[in-house]
Amino acid sequence: MPVHVGEIESDVTVVDGDMPFSEGQLEKLVEMVCKRLEKKKREEQQIRASTTLTRGATPSARVGE
């Protein structure tokens, strides 16, 4: 199937059945996906923590004391 991206044209072949990746490539892909999922989870936790209202207040810091 022809694919046009800007000034680049390429033919893409779809292969049915087993994926055409080596074992090493699959391991690297899985590792990258896991890292991205962990990063996304950390970011969501940080956003949630930064937008959560709490009941307590922290004492103000006075400069010079």
PDB file of N, CA and C in Angstrom:
ATOM      1  N   MET A   1       0.853  -1.162   0.000  1.00  0.00           N
ATOM      2  CA  MET A   1       0.000   0.000   0.000  1.00  0.00           C
ATOM      3  C   MET A   1       0.897   1.222   0.000  1.00  0.00           C
ATOM      4  N   PRO A   2       0.721   2.143  -0.910  1.00  0.00           N
ATOM      5  CA  PRO A   2       1.547   3.354  -0.944  1.00  0.00           C
ATOM      6  C   PRO A   2       1.198   4.285   0.208  1.00  0.00           C
ATOM      7  N   VAL A   3       2.216   4.904   0.790  1.00  0.00           N
ATOM      8  CA  VAL A   3       2.036   5.858   1.885  1.00  0.00           C
ATOM      9  C   VAL A   3       2.737   7.143   1.477  1.00  0.00           C
ATOM     10  N   HIS A   4       2.056   8.288   1.606  1.00  0.00           N
ATOM     11  CA  HIS A   4       2.659   9.570   1.252  1.00  0.00           C
ATOM     12  C   HIS A   4       2.776  10.426   2.511  1.00  0.00           C
ATOM     13  N   VAL A   5       4.014  10.816   2.851  1.00  0.00           N
ATOM     14  CA  VAL A   5       4.271  11.678   4.004  1.00  0.00           C
ATOM     15  C   VAL A   5       5.109  12.845   3.507  1.00  0.00           C
ATOM     16  N   GLY A   6       4.487  14.016   3.369  1.00  0.00           N
ATOM     17  CA  GLY A   6       5.223  15.172   2.878  1.00  0.00           C
ATOM     18  C   GLY A   6       5.822  14.898   1.514  1.00  0.00           C
ATOM     19  N   GLU A   7       7.135  14.851   1.457  1.00  0.00           N
ATOM     20  CA  GLU A   7       7.847  14.613   0.213  1.00  0.00           C
ATOM     21  C   GLU A   7       8.348  13.181   0.099  1.00  0.00           C
ATOM     22  N   ILE A   8       7.994  12.329   1.059  1.00  0.00           N
ATOM     23  CA  ILE A   8       8.500  10.954   1.060  1.00  0.00           C
ATOM     24  C   ILE A   8       7.373  10.011   0.662  1.00  0.00           C
ATOM     25  N   GLU A   9       7.678   9.110  -0.248  1.00  0.00           N
ATOM     26  CA  GLU A   9       6.727   8.072  -0.606  1.00  0.00           C
ATOM     27  C   GLU A   9       7.381   6.722  -0.375  1.00  0.00           C
ATOM     28  N   SER A  10       6.597   5.790   0.169  1.00  0.00           N
ATOM     29  CA  SER A  10       7.140   4.472   0.477  1.00  0.00           C
ATOM     30  C   SER A  10       6.045   3.439   0.307  1.00  0.00           C
ATOM     31  N   ASP A  11       6.430   2.224  -0.042  1.00  0.00           N
ATOM     32  CA  ASP A  11       5.491   1.112  -0.094  1.00  0.00           C
ATOM     33  C   ASP A  11       5.607   0.328   1.196  1.00  0.00           C
ATOM     34  N   VAL A  12       4.469   0.007   1.782  1.00  0.00           N
ATOM     35  CA  VAL A  12       4.429  -0.721   3.040  1.00  0.00           C
ATOM     36  C   VAL A  12       3.778  -2.070   2.781  1.00  0.00           C
ATOM     37  N   THR A  13       4.386  -3.121   3.298  1.00  0.00           N
ATOM     38  CA  THR A  13       3.852  -4.466   3.141  1.00  0.00           C
ATOM     39  C   THR A  13       3.349  -4.959   4.491  1.00  0.00           C
ATOM     40  N   VAL A  14       2.141  -5.460   4.523  1.00  0.00           N
ATOM     41  CA  VAL A  14       1.565  -6.023   5.742  1.00  0.00           C
ATOM     42  C   VAL A  14       1.751  -7.524   5.703  1.00  0.00           C
ATOM     43  N   VAL A  15       2.300  -8.068   6.778  1.00  0.00           N
ATOM     44  CA  VAL A  15       2.577  -9.495   6.841  1.00  0.00           C
ATOM     45  C   VAL A  15       1.612 -10.140   7.821  1.00  0.00           C
ATOM     46  N   ASP A  16       0.870 -11.104   7.372  1.00  0.00           N
ATOM     47  CA  ASP A  16      -0.026 -11.839   8.256  1.00  0.00           C
ATOM     48  C   ASP A  16       0.768 -12.901   9.004  1.00  0.00           C
ATOM     49  N   GLY A  17       0.260 -13.277  10.162  1.00  0.00           N
ATOM     50  CA  GLY A  17       0.928 -14.334  10.922  1.00  0.00           C
ATOM     51  C   GLY A  17       1.895 -13.774  11.935  1.00  0.00           C
ATOM     52  N   ASP A  18       3.026 -14.441  12.125  1.00  0.00           N
ATOM     53  CA  ASP A  18       4.016 -14.024  13.106  1.00  0.00           C
ATOM     54  C   ASP A  18       4.592 -12.661  12.750  1.00  0.00           C
ATOM     55  N   MET A  19       4.941 -11.918  13.808  1.00  0.00           N
ATOM     56  CA  MET A  19       5.525 -10.603  13.592  1.00  0.00           C
ATOM     57  C   MET A  19       6.964 -10.765  13.091  1.00  0.00           C
ATOM     58  N   PRO A  20       7.382  -9.910  12.185  1.00  0.00           N
ATOM     59  CA  PRO A  20       8.723 -10.040  11.610  1.00  0.00           C
ATOM     60  C   PRO A  20       9.812  -9.392  12.468  1.00  0.00           C
ATOM     61  N   PHE A  21       9.782  -9.613  13.787  1.00  0.00           N
ATOM     62  CA  PHE A  21      10.785  -9.064  14.691  1.00  0.00           C
ATOM     63  C   PHE A  21      11.636 -10.185  15.261  1.00  0.00           C
ATOM     64  N   SER A  22      12.887  -9.861  15.521  1.00  0.00           N
ATOM     65  CA  SER A  22      13.751 -10.835  16.186  1.00  0.00           C
ATOM     66  C   SER A  22      13.417 -10.817  17.681  1.00  0.00           C
ATOM     67  N   GLU A  23      13.902 -11.805  18.399  1.00  0.00           N
ATOM     68  CA  GLU A  23      13.658 -11.879  19.848  1.00  0.00           C
ATOM     69  C   GLU A  23      14.225 -10.640  20.546  1.00  0.00           C
ATOM     70  N   GLY A  24      15.407 -10.212  20.125  1.00  0.00           N
ATOM     71  CA  GLY A  24      16.026  -9.022  20.723  1.00  0.00           C
ATOM     72  C   GLY A  24      15.212  -7.766  20.476  1.00  0.00           C
ATOM     73  N   GLN A  25      14.684  -7.638  19.259  1.00  0.00           N
ATOM     74  CA  GLN A  25      13.859  -6.472  18.942  1.00  0.00           C
ATOM     75  C   GLN A  25      12.589  -6.458  19.776  1.00  0.00           C
ATOM     76  N   LEU A  26      11.976  -7.624  19.958  1.00  0.00           N
ATOM     77  CA  LEU A  26      10.763  -7.704  20.768  1.00  0.00           C
ATOM     78  C   LEU A  26      11.060  -7.331  22.215  1.00  0.00           C
ATOM     79  N   GLU A  27      12.176  -7.824  22.756  1.00  0.00           N
ATOM     80  CA  GLU A  27      12.547  -7.490  24.141  1.00  0.00           C
ATOM     81  C   GLU A  27      12.732  -5.983  24.299  1.00  0.00           C
ATOM     82  N   LYS A  28      13.419  -5.365  23.346  1.00  0.00           N
ATOM     83  CA  LYS A  28      13.648  -3.922  23.407  1.00  0.00           C
ATOM     84  C   LYS A  28      12.330  -3.161  23.311  1.00  0.00           C
ATOM     85  N   LEU A  29      11.437  -3.606  22.442  1.00  0.00           N
ATOM     86  CA  LEU A  29      10.134  -2.969  22.297  1.00  0.00           C
ATOM     87  C   LEU A  29       9.334  -3.069  23.595  1.00  0.00           C
ATOM     88  N   VAL A  30       9.314  -4.243  24.196  1.00  0.00           N
ATOM     89  CA  VAL A  30       8.587  -4.442  25.455  1.00  0.00           C
ATOM     90  C   VAL A  30       9.178  -3.549  26.538  1.00  0.00           C
ATOM     91  N   GLU A  31      10.503  -3.469  26.605  1.00  0.00           N
ATOM     92  CA  GLU A  31      11.166  -2.628  27.606  1.00  0.00           C
ATOM     93  C   GLU A  31      10.788  -1.158  27.424  1.00  0.00           C
ATOM     94  N   MET A  32      10.775  -0.700  26.171  1.00  0.00           N
ATOM     95  CA  MET A  32      10.416   0.691  25.891  1.00  0.00           C
ATOM     96  C   MET A  32       8.968   0.977  26.275  1.00  0.00           C
ATOM     97  N   VAL A  33       8.066   0.060  25.964  1.00  0.00           N
ATOM     98  CA  VAL A  33       6.647   0.250  26.303  1.00  0.00           C
ATOM     99  C   VAL A  33       6.471   0.290  27.821  1.00  0.00           C
ATOM    100  N   CYS A  34       7.141  -0.603  28.538  1.00  0.00           N
ATOM    101  CA  CYS A  34       7.034  -0.630  29.998  1.00  0.00           C
ATOM    102  C   CYS A  34       7.546   0.666  30.606  1.00  0.00           C
ATOM    103  N   LYS A  35       8.665   1.187  30.101  1.00  0.00           N
ATOM    104  CA  LYS A  35       9.215   2.444  30.608  1.00  0.00           C
ATOM    105  C   LYS A  35       8.250   3.600  30.364  1.00  0.00           C
ATOM    106  N   ARG A  36       7.647   3.623  29.180  1.00  0.00           N
ATOM    107  CA  ARG A  36       6.691   4.694  28.875  1.00  0.00           C
ATOM    108  C   ARG A  36       5.468   4.616  29.787  1.00  0.00           C
ATOM    109  N   LEU A  37       4.983   3.399  30.046  1.00  0.00           N
ATOM    110  CA  LEU A  37       3.832   3.237  30.926  1.00  0.00           C
ATOM    111  C   LEU A  37       4.163   3.679  32.349  1.00  0.00           C
ATOM    112  N   GLU A  38       5.354   3.339  32.824  1.00  0.00           N
ATOM    113  CA  GLU A  38       5.778   3.764  34.162  1.00  0.00           C
ATOM    114  C   GLU A  38       5.883   5.283  34.236  1.00  0.00           C
ATOM    115  N   LYS A  39       6.459   5.901  33.201  1.00  0.00           N
ATOM    116  CA  LYS A  39       6.590   7.358  33.168  1.00  0.00           C
ATOM    117  C   LYS A  39       5.216   8.023  33.182  1.00  0.00           C
ATOM    118  N   LYS A  40       4.299   7.489  32.381  1.00  0.00           N
ATOM    119  CA  LYS A  40       2.950   8.053  32.317  1.00  0.00           C
ATOM    120  C   LYS A  40       2.253   7.929  33.678  1.00  0.00           C
ATOM    121  N   LYS A  41       2.441   6.795  34.347  1.00  0.00           N
ATOM    122  CA  LYS A  41       1.832   6.591  35.661  1.00  0.00           C
ATOM    123  C   LYS A  41       2.403   7.590  36.674  1.00  0.00           C
ATOM    124  N   ARG A  42       3.738   7.802  36.657  1.00  0.00           N
ATOM    125  CA  ARG A  42       4.361   8.771  37.566  1.00  0.00           C
ATOM    126  C   ARG A  42       3.838  10.175  37.303  1.00  0.00           C
ATOM    127  N   GLU A  43       3.725  10.541  36.026  1.00  0.00           N
ATOM    128  CA  GLU A  43       3.225  11.873  35.678  1.00  0.00           C
ATOM    129  C   GLU A  43       1.792  12.064  36.161  1.00  0.00           C
ATOM    130  N   GLU A  44       0.957  11.042  35.988  1.00  0.00           N
ATOM    131  CA  GLU A  44      -0.431  11.131  36.450  1.00  0.00           C
ATOM    132  C   GLU A  44      -0.489  11.273  37.966  1.00  0.00           C
ATOM    133  N   GLN A  45       0.375  10.548  38.686  1.00  0.00           N
ATOM    134  CA  GLN A  45       0.414  10.664  40.143  1.00  0.00           C
ATOM    135  C   GLN A  45       0.877  12.053  40.572  1.00  0.00           C
ATOM    136  N   GLN A  46       1.862  12.618  39.873  1.00  0.00           N
ATOM    137  CA  GLN A  46       2.340  13.959  40.189  1.00  0.00           C
ATOM    138  C   GLN A  46       1.256  14.999  39.949  1.00  0.00           C
ATOM    139  N   ILE A  47       0.538  14.851  38.840  1.00  0.00           N
ATOM    140  CA  ILE A  47      -0.548  15.793  38.540  1.00  0.00           C
ATOM    141  C   ILE A  47      -1.638  15.694  39.597  1.00  0.00           C
ATOM    142  N   ARG A  48      -1.998  14.463  39.951  1.00  0.00           N
ATOM    143  CA  ARG A  48      -3.027  14.263  40.964  1.00  0.00           C
ATOM    144  C   ARG A  48      -2.588  14.864  42.301  1.00  0.00           C
ATOM    145  N   ALA A  49      -1.344  14.649  42.688  1.00  0.00           N
ATOM    146  CA  ALA A  49      -0.836  15.167  43.958  1.00  0.00           C
ATOM    147  C   ALA A  49      -0.777  16.692  43.948  1.00  0.00           C
ATOM    148  N   SER A  50      -0.440  17.286  42.809  1.00  0.00           N
ATOM    149  CA  SER A  50      -0.324  18.740  42.761  1.00  0.00           C
ATOM    150  C   SER A  50      -1.664  19.447  42.682  1.00  0.00           C
ATOM    151  N   THR A  51      -2.717  18.729  42.355  1.00  0.00           N
ATOM    152  CA  THR A  51      -4.038  19.361  42.258  1.00  0.00           C
ATOM    153  C   THR A  51      -4.988  18.908  43.358  1.00  0.00           C
ATOM    154  N   THR A  52      -4.470  18.150  44.331  1.00  0.00           N
ATOM    155  CA  THR A  52      -5.309  17.665  45.427  1.00  0.00           C
ATOM    156  C   THR A  52      -5.342  18.703  46.541  1.00  0.00           C
ATOM    157  N   LEU A  53      -6.541  19.036  46.983  1.00  0.00           N
ATOM    158  CA  LEU A  53      -6.693  19.955  48.102  1.00  0.00           C
ATOM    159  C   LEU A  53      -6.546  19.172  49.406  1.00  0.00           C
ATOM    160  N   THR A  54      -5.832  19.772  50.338  1.00  0.00           N
ATOM    161  CA  THR A  54      -5.662  19.132  51.644  1.00  0.00           C
ATOM    162  C   THR A  54      -6.280  20.007  52.719  1.00  0.00           C
ATOM    163  N   ARG A  55      -6.543  19.409  53.878  1.00  0.00           N
ATOM    164  CA  ARG A  55      -7.173  20.141  54.974  1.00  0.00           C
ATOM    165  C   ARG A  55      -6.170  20.987  55.745  1.00  0.00           C
ATOM    166  N   GLY A  56      -4.941  20.546  55.797  1.00  0.00           N
ATOM    167  CA  GLY A  56      -3.945  21.255  56.596  1.00  0.00           C
ATOM    168  C   GLY A  56      -3.261  22.356  55.825  1.00  0.00           C
ATOM    169  N   ALA A  57      -2.596  23.204  56.577  1.00  0.00           N
ATOM    170  CA  ALA A  57      -1.810  24.268  55.957  1.00  0.00           C
ATOM    171  C   ALA A  57      -0.383  24.162  56.477  1.00  0.00           C
ATOM    172  N   THR A  58       0.551  24.552  55.663  1.00  0.00           N
ATOM    173  CA  THR A  58       1.932  24.524  56.104  1.00  0.00           C
ATOM    174  C   THR A  58       2.294  25.888  56.673  1.00  0.00           C
ATOM    175  N   PRO A  59       3.142  25.923  57.698  1.00  0.00           N
ATOM    176  CA  PRO A  59       3.523  27.208  58.265  1.00  0.00           C
ATOM    177  C   PRO A  59       4.306  28.035  57.246  1.00  0.00           C
ATOM    178  N   SER A  60       4.122  29.333  57.286  1.00  0.00           N
ATOM    179  CA  SER A  60       4.820  30.173  56.319  1.00  0.00           C
ATOM    180  C   SER A  60       6.291  30.278  56.712  1.00  0.00           C
ATOM    181  N   ALA A  61       7.134  30.351  55.730  1.00  0.00           N
ATOM    182  CA  ALA A  61       8.558  30.505  55.973  1.00  0.00           C
ATOM    183  C   ALA A  61       8.892  31.988  55.932  1.00  0.00           C
ATOM    184  N   ARG A  62       9.550  32.466  56.980  1.00  0.00           N
ATOM    185  CA  ARG A  62       9.897  33.880  57.023  1.00  0.00           C
ATOM    186  C   ARG A  62      11.359  34.045  56.667  1.00  0.00           C
ATOM    187  N   VAL A  63      11.589  34.965  55.784  1.00  0.00           N
ATOM    188  CA  VAL A  63      12.949  35.207  55.306  1.00  0.00           C
ATOM    189  C   VAL A  63      13.731  35.930  56.389  1.00  0.00           C
ATOM    190  N   GLY A  64      14.939  35.437  56.674  1.00  0.00           N
ATOM    191  CA  GLY A  64      15.825  36.117  57.622  1.00  0.00           C
ATOM    192  C   GLY A  64      15.676  35.629  59.048  1.00  0.00           C
ATOM    193  N   GLU A  65      14.815  34.725  59.335  1.00  0.00           N
ATOM    194  CA  GLU A  65      14.676  34.244  60.711  1.00  0.00           C
ATOM    195  C   GLU A  65      15.233  32.854  60.844  1.00  0.00           C
TER     196      GLU A  65
END
